[in-house]
Amino acid sequence: MASHFEDARYYMGRAVEHAKAGIKEEVEPLEERVRELTGTEKEPEPGRLEKLQADLQALEERAEGEAREAVENARERVTAYREQRED
């Protein structure tokens, strides 16, 4: 059953990506027109270095979370083992 949820989550993500791309495509000409009228320039997209740094930061945070969970799980197992031996 978990695979069904994983599949549903995957397809929901894909649907969101397609919806986002469609909205961006429809709104882009309007954005350009508003920028022309107001005289504001579009901000540059982040470079490869900034994207890489953001990805590394996200991976670091994910690894920290997983490590905390693993340590907590190990502590629970050790406690349960000790309690079992005392009985």
N, C-alpha and C. Protein backbone atom coordinates (compact mmCIF):
# COMPACT_ATOMS: atom_id res chain seq x y z
N MET A 1 0.82 -1.19 0.00
CA MET A 1 0.00 0.00 0.00
C MET A 1 0.87 1.26 0.00
N ALA A 2 2.03 1.18 0.63
CA ALA A 2 2.92 2.35 0.67
C ALA A 2 3.34 2.75 -0.74
N SER A 3 3.50 1.77 -1.62
CA SER A 3 3.90 2.11 -2.99
C SER A 3 2.82 2.92 -3.69
N HIS A 4 1.56 2.67 -3.33
CA HIS A 4 0.47 3.46 -3.93
C HIS A 4 0.58 4.92 -3.51
N PHE A 5 0.91 5.15 -2.24
CA PHE A 5 1.06 6.52 -1.77
C PHE A 5 2.28 7.17 -2.43
N GLU A 6 3.35 6.42 -2.59
CA GLU A 6 4.54 6.95 -3.25
C GLU A 6 4.22 7.32 -4.68
N ASP A 7 3.49 6.45 -5.38
CA ASP A 7 3.10 6.74 -6.75
C ASP A 7 2.22 7.98 -6.82
N ALA A 8 1.24 8.06 -5.92
CA ALA A 8 0.34 9.21 -5.90
C ALA A 8 1.12 10.50 -5.63
N ARG A 9 2.06 10.43 -4.70
CA ARG A 9 2.88 11.60 -4.38
C ARG A 9 3.71 12.03 -5.60
N TYR A 10 4.26 11.06 -6.31
CA TYR A 10 5.06 11.34 -7.51
C TYR A 10 4.20 12.06 -8.55
N TYR A 11 3.01 11.49 -8.83
CA TYR A 11 2.16 12.06 -9.86
C TYR A 11 1.60 13.42 -9.45
N MET A 12 1.35 13.63 -8.16
CA MET A 12 0.94 14.94 -7.69
C MET A 12 2.05 15.96 -7.92
N GLY A 13 3.28 15.55 -7.66
CA GLY A 13 4.41 16.44 -7.89
C GLY A 13 4.53 16.80 -9.36
N ARG A 14 4.36 15.81 -10.22
CA ARG A 14 4.41 16.06 -11.66
C ARG A 14 3.30 17.02 -12.08
N ALA A 15 2.10 16.82 -11.54
CA ALA A 15 0.97 17.69 -11.89
C ALA A 15 1.25 19.12 -11.46
N VAL A 16 1.84 19.28 -10.28
CA VAL A 16 2.16 20.62 -9.79
C VAL A 16 3.21 21.27 -10.70
N GLU A 17 4.23 20.49 -11.10
CA GLU A 17 5.26 21.03 -11.99
C GLU A 17 4.65 21.51 -13.30
N HIS A 18 3.75 20.71 -13.88
CA HIS A 18 3.12 21.08 -15.14
C HIS A 18 2.22 22.30 -14.97
N ALA A 19 1.49 22.36 -13.87
CA ALA A 19 0.63 23.52 -13.62
C ALA A 19 1.47 24.77 -13.46
N LYS A 20 2.58 24.66 -12.74
CA LYS A 20 3.46 25.80 -12.52
C LYS A 20 4.04 26.29 -13.85
N ALA A 21 4.47 25.35 -14.69
CA ALA A 21 5.03 25.72 -16.00
C ALA A 21 3.96 26.39 -16.86
N GLY A 22 2.73 25.87 -16.82
CA GLY A 22 1.66 26.46 -17.60
C GLY A 22 1.32 27.86 -17.16
N ILE A 23 1.24 28.06 -15.85
CA ILE A 23 0.94 29.39 -15.32
C ILE A 23 2.05 30.37 -15.68
N LYS A 24 3.29 29.92 -15.54
CA LYS A 24 4.43 30.78 -15.87
C LYS A 24 4.38 31.18 -17.34
N GLU A 25 4.07 30.25 -18.20
CA GLU A 25 4.00 30.51 -19.63
C GLU A 25 2.90 31.52 -19.95
N GLU A 26 1.77 31.43 -19.26
CA GLU A 26 0.65 32.33 -19.51
C GLU A 26 0.91 33.73 -18.94
N VAL A 27 1.59 33.81 -17.80
CA VAL A 27 1.76 35.09 -17.12
C VAL A 27 3.01 35.84 -17.61
N GLU A 28 3.95 35.15 -18.21
CA GLU A 28 5.21 35.77 -18.62
C GLU A 28 5.02 37.00 -19.51
N PRO A 29 4.18 36.95 -20.55
CA PRO A 29 4.00 38.16 -21.38
C PRO A 29 3.42 39.33 -20.58
N LEU A 30 2.51 39.02 -19.67
CA LEU A 30 1.93 40.06 -18.83
C LEU A 30 2.99 40.68 -17.93
N GLU A 31 3.85 39.84 -17.36
CA GLU A 31 4.93 40.34 -16.50
C GLU A 31 5.85 41.27 -17.28
N GLU A 32 6.21 40.88 -18.49
CA GLU A 32 7.09 41.72 -19.32
C GLU A 32 6.44 43.07 -19.61
N ARG A 33 5.15 43.04 -19.91
CA ARG A 33 4.43 44.28 -20.20
C ARG A 33 4.41 45.20 -18.98
N VAL A 34 4.14 44.64 -17.81
CA VAL A 34 4.12 45.44 -16.58
C VAL A 34 5.50 46.00 -16.29
N ARG A 35 6.53 45.21 -16.51
CA ARG A 35 7.90 45.69 -16.27
C ARG A 35 8.25 46.84 -17.22
N GLU A 36 7.80 46.73 -18.46
CA GLU A 36 8.04 47.82 -19.41
C GLU A 36 7.35 49.10 -18.95
N LEU A 37 6.11 48.99 -18.51
CA LEU A 37 5.35 50.16 -18.09
C LEU A 37 5.90 50.78 -16.82
N THR A 38 6.39 49.96 -15.89
CA THR A 38 6.89 50.49 -14.62
C THR A 38 8.37 50.81 -14.66
N GLY A 39 9.08 50.30 -15.67
CA GLY A 39 10.50 50.58 -15.80
C GLY A 39 11.38 49.77 -14.87
N THR A 40 10.87 48.66 -14.37
CA THR A 40 11.69 47.80 -13.51
C THR A 40 12.26 46.64 -14.33
N GLU A 41 13.46 46.26 -13.97
CA GLU A 41 14.12 45.15 -14.67
C GLU A 41 13.91 43.85 -13.91
N LYS A 42 13.97 42.79 -14.65
CA LYS A 42 13.83 41.46 -14.06
C LYS A 42 15.12 41.11 -13.31
N GLU A 43 14.95 40.54 -12.12
CA GLU A 43 16.13 40.15 -11.34
C GLU A 43 16.81 38.96 -12.01
N PRO A 44 18.13 38.94 -12.00
CA PRO A 44 18.82 37.82 -12.64
C PRO A 44 18.56 36.52 -11.88
N GLU A 45 18.53 35.44 -12.65
CA GLU A 45 18.35 34.12 -12.03
C GLU A 45 19.61 33.75 -11.27
N PRO A 46 19.46 32.96 -10.21
CA PRO A 46 20.67 32.56 -9.47
C PRO A 46 21.60 31.76 -10.37
N GLY A 47 22.87 31.98 -10.18
CA GLY A 47 23.86 31.28 -10.97
C GLY A 47 24.02 29.84 -10.52
N ARG A 48 24.87 29.14 -11.23
CA ARG A 48 25.10 27.73 -10.92
C ARG A 48 25.66 27.56 -9.51
N LEU A 49 26.53 28.47 -9.11
CA LEU A 49 27.15 28.37 -7.79
C LEU A 49 26.10 28.52 -6.69
N GLU A 50 25.21 29.50 -6.84
CA GLU A 50 24.17 29.71 -5.83
C GLU A 50 23.23 28.51 -5.76
N LYS A 51 22.88 27.96 -6.91
CA LYS A 51 22.01 26.78 -6.94
C LYS A 51 22.70 25.60 -6.25
N LEU A 52 23.97 25.41 -6.54
CA LEU A 52 24.73 24.32 -5.94
C LEU A 52 24.82 24.50 -4.43
N GLN A 53 25.07 25.72 -3.99
CA GLN A 53 25.15 25.99 -2.55
C GLN A 53 23.81 25.72 -1.87
N ALA A 54 22.72 26.11 -2.50
CA ALA A 54 21.40 25.87 -1.93
C ALA A 54 21.12 24.37 -1.86
N ASP A 55 21.49 23.64 -2.91
CA ASP A 55 21.30 22.18 -2.91
C ASP A 55 22.12 21.52 -1.82
N LEU A 56 23.36 21.96 -1.66
CA LEU A 56 24.22 21.39 -0.62
C LEU A 56 23.66 21.69 0.77
N GLN A 57 23.14 22.89 0.96
CA GLN A 57 22.55 23.25 2.25
C GLN A 57 21.35 22.36 2.55
N ALA A 58 20.52 22.13 1.55
CA ALA A 58 19.35 21.28 1.74
C ALA A 58 19.78 19.85 2.06
N LEU A 59 20.79 19.35 1.37
CA LEU A 59 21.29 18.00 1.64
C LEU A 59 21.87 17.90 3.05
N GLU A 60 22.58 18.93 3.46
CA GLU A 60 23.16 18.94 4.80
C GLU A 60 22.06 18.89 5.86
N GLU A 61 21.02 19.68 5.68
CA GLU A 61 19.92 19.69 6.64
C GLU A 61 19.21 18.34 6.67
N ARG A 62 19.04 17.75 5.50
CA ARG A 62 18.39 16.43 5.43
C ARG A 62 19.25 15.37 6.13
N ALA A 63 20.56 15.42 5.90
CA ALA A 63 21.45 14.46 6.53
C ALA A 63 21.45 14.62 8.04
N GLU A 64 21.42 15.87 8.52
CA GLU A 64 21.38 16.11 9.96
C GLU A 64 20.11 15.53 10.56
N GLY A 65 18.99 15.73 9.89
CA GLY A 65 17.73 15.20 10.38
C GLY A 65 17.74 13.68 10.43
N GLU A 66 18.27 13.06 9.36
CA GLU A 66 18.34 11.61 9.33
C GLU A 66 19.28 11.07 10.40
N ALA A 67 20.38 11.78 10.63
CA ALA A 67 21.33 11.36 11.66
C ALA A 67 20.69 11.45 13.04
N ARG A 68 19.95 12.52 13.30
CA ARG A 68 19.26 12.65 14.58
C ARG A 68 18.27 11.52 14.79
N GLU A 69 17.53 11.19 13.74
CA GLU A 69 16.56 10.10 13.84
C GLU A 69 17.27 8.77 14.12
N ALA A 70 18.40 8.54 13.45
CA ALA A 70 19.13 7.30 13.64
C ALA A 70 19.66 7.20 15.07
N VAL A 71 20.17 8.29 15.60
CA VAL A 71 20.69 8.29 16.97
C VAL A 71 19.55 8.05 17.96
N GLU A 72 18.43 8.71 17.73
CA GLU A 72 17.28 8.52 18.61
C GLU A 72 16.80 7.08 18.57
N ASN A 73 16.74 6.51 17.39
CA ASN A 73 16.32 5.12 17.22
C ASN A 73 17.30 4.18 17.94
N ALA A 74 18.58 4.44 17.79
CA ALA A 74 19.59 3.61 18.44
C ALA A 74 19.46 3.70 19.97
N ARG A 75 19.23 4.89 20.49
CA ARG A 75 19.06 5.06 21.93
C ARG A 75 17.85 4.28 22.44
N GLU A 76 16.76 4.34 21.68
CA GLU A 76 15.56 3.61 22.07
C GLU A 76 15.82 2.10 22.07
N ARG A 77 16.55 1.62 21.10
CA ARG A 77 16.87 0.19 21.03
C ARG A 77 17.75 -0.24 22.19
N VAL A 78 18.75 0.58 22.51
CA VAL A 78 19.64 0.25 23.62
C VAL A 78 18.87 0.24 24.93
N THR A 79 18.00 1.22 25.12
CA THR A 79 17.18 1.28 26.33
C THR A 79 16.29 0.05 26.43
N ALA A 80 15.65 -0.30 25.32
CA ALA A 80 14.77 -1.48 25.30
C ALA A 80 15.57 -2.75 25.58
N TYR A 81 16.77 -2.85 25.03
CA TYR A 81 17.62 -4.02 25.24
C TYR A 81 18.02 -4.13 26.71
N ARG A 82 18.40 -3.00 27.30
CA ARG A 82 18.81 -2.99 28.70
C ARG A 82 17.64 -3.38 29.62
N GLU A 83 16.47 -2.83 29.31
CA GLU A 83 15.29 -3.17 30.11
C GLU A 83 14.94 -4.65 29.99
N GLN A 84 15.13 -5.19 28.80
CA GLN A 84 14.83 -6.62 28.57
C GLN A 84 15.81 -7.50 29.36
N ARG A 85 17.06 -7.10 29.41
CA ARG A 85 18.07 -7.90 30.14
C ARG A 85 17.85 -7.85 31.64
N GLU A 86 17.31 -6.72 32.14
CA GLU A 86 17.08 -6.59 33.58
C GLU A 86 15.92 -7.45 34.06
N ASP A 87 15.00 -7.77 33.14
CA ASP A 87 13.83 -8.57 33.54
C ASP A 87 14.21 -9.97 33.82
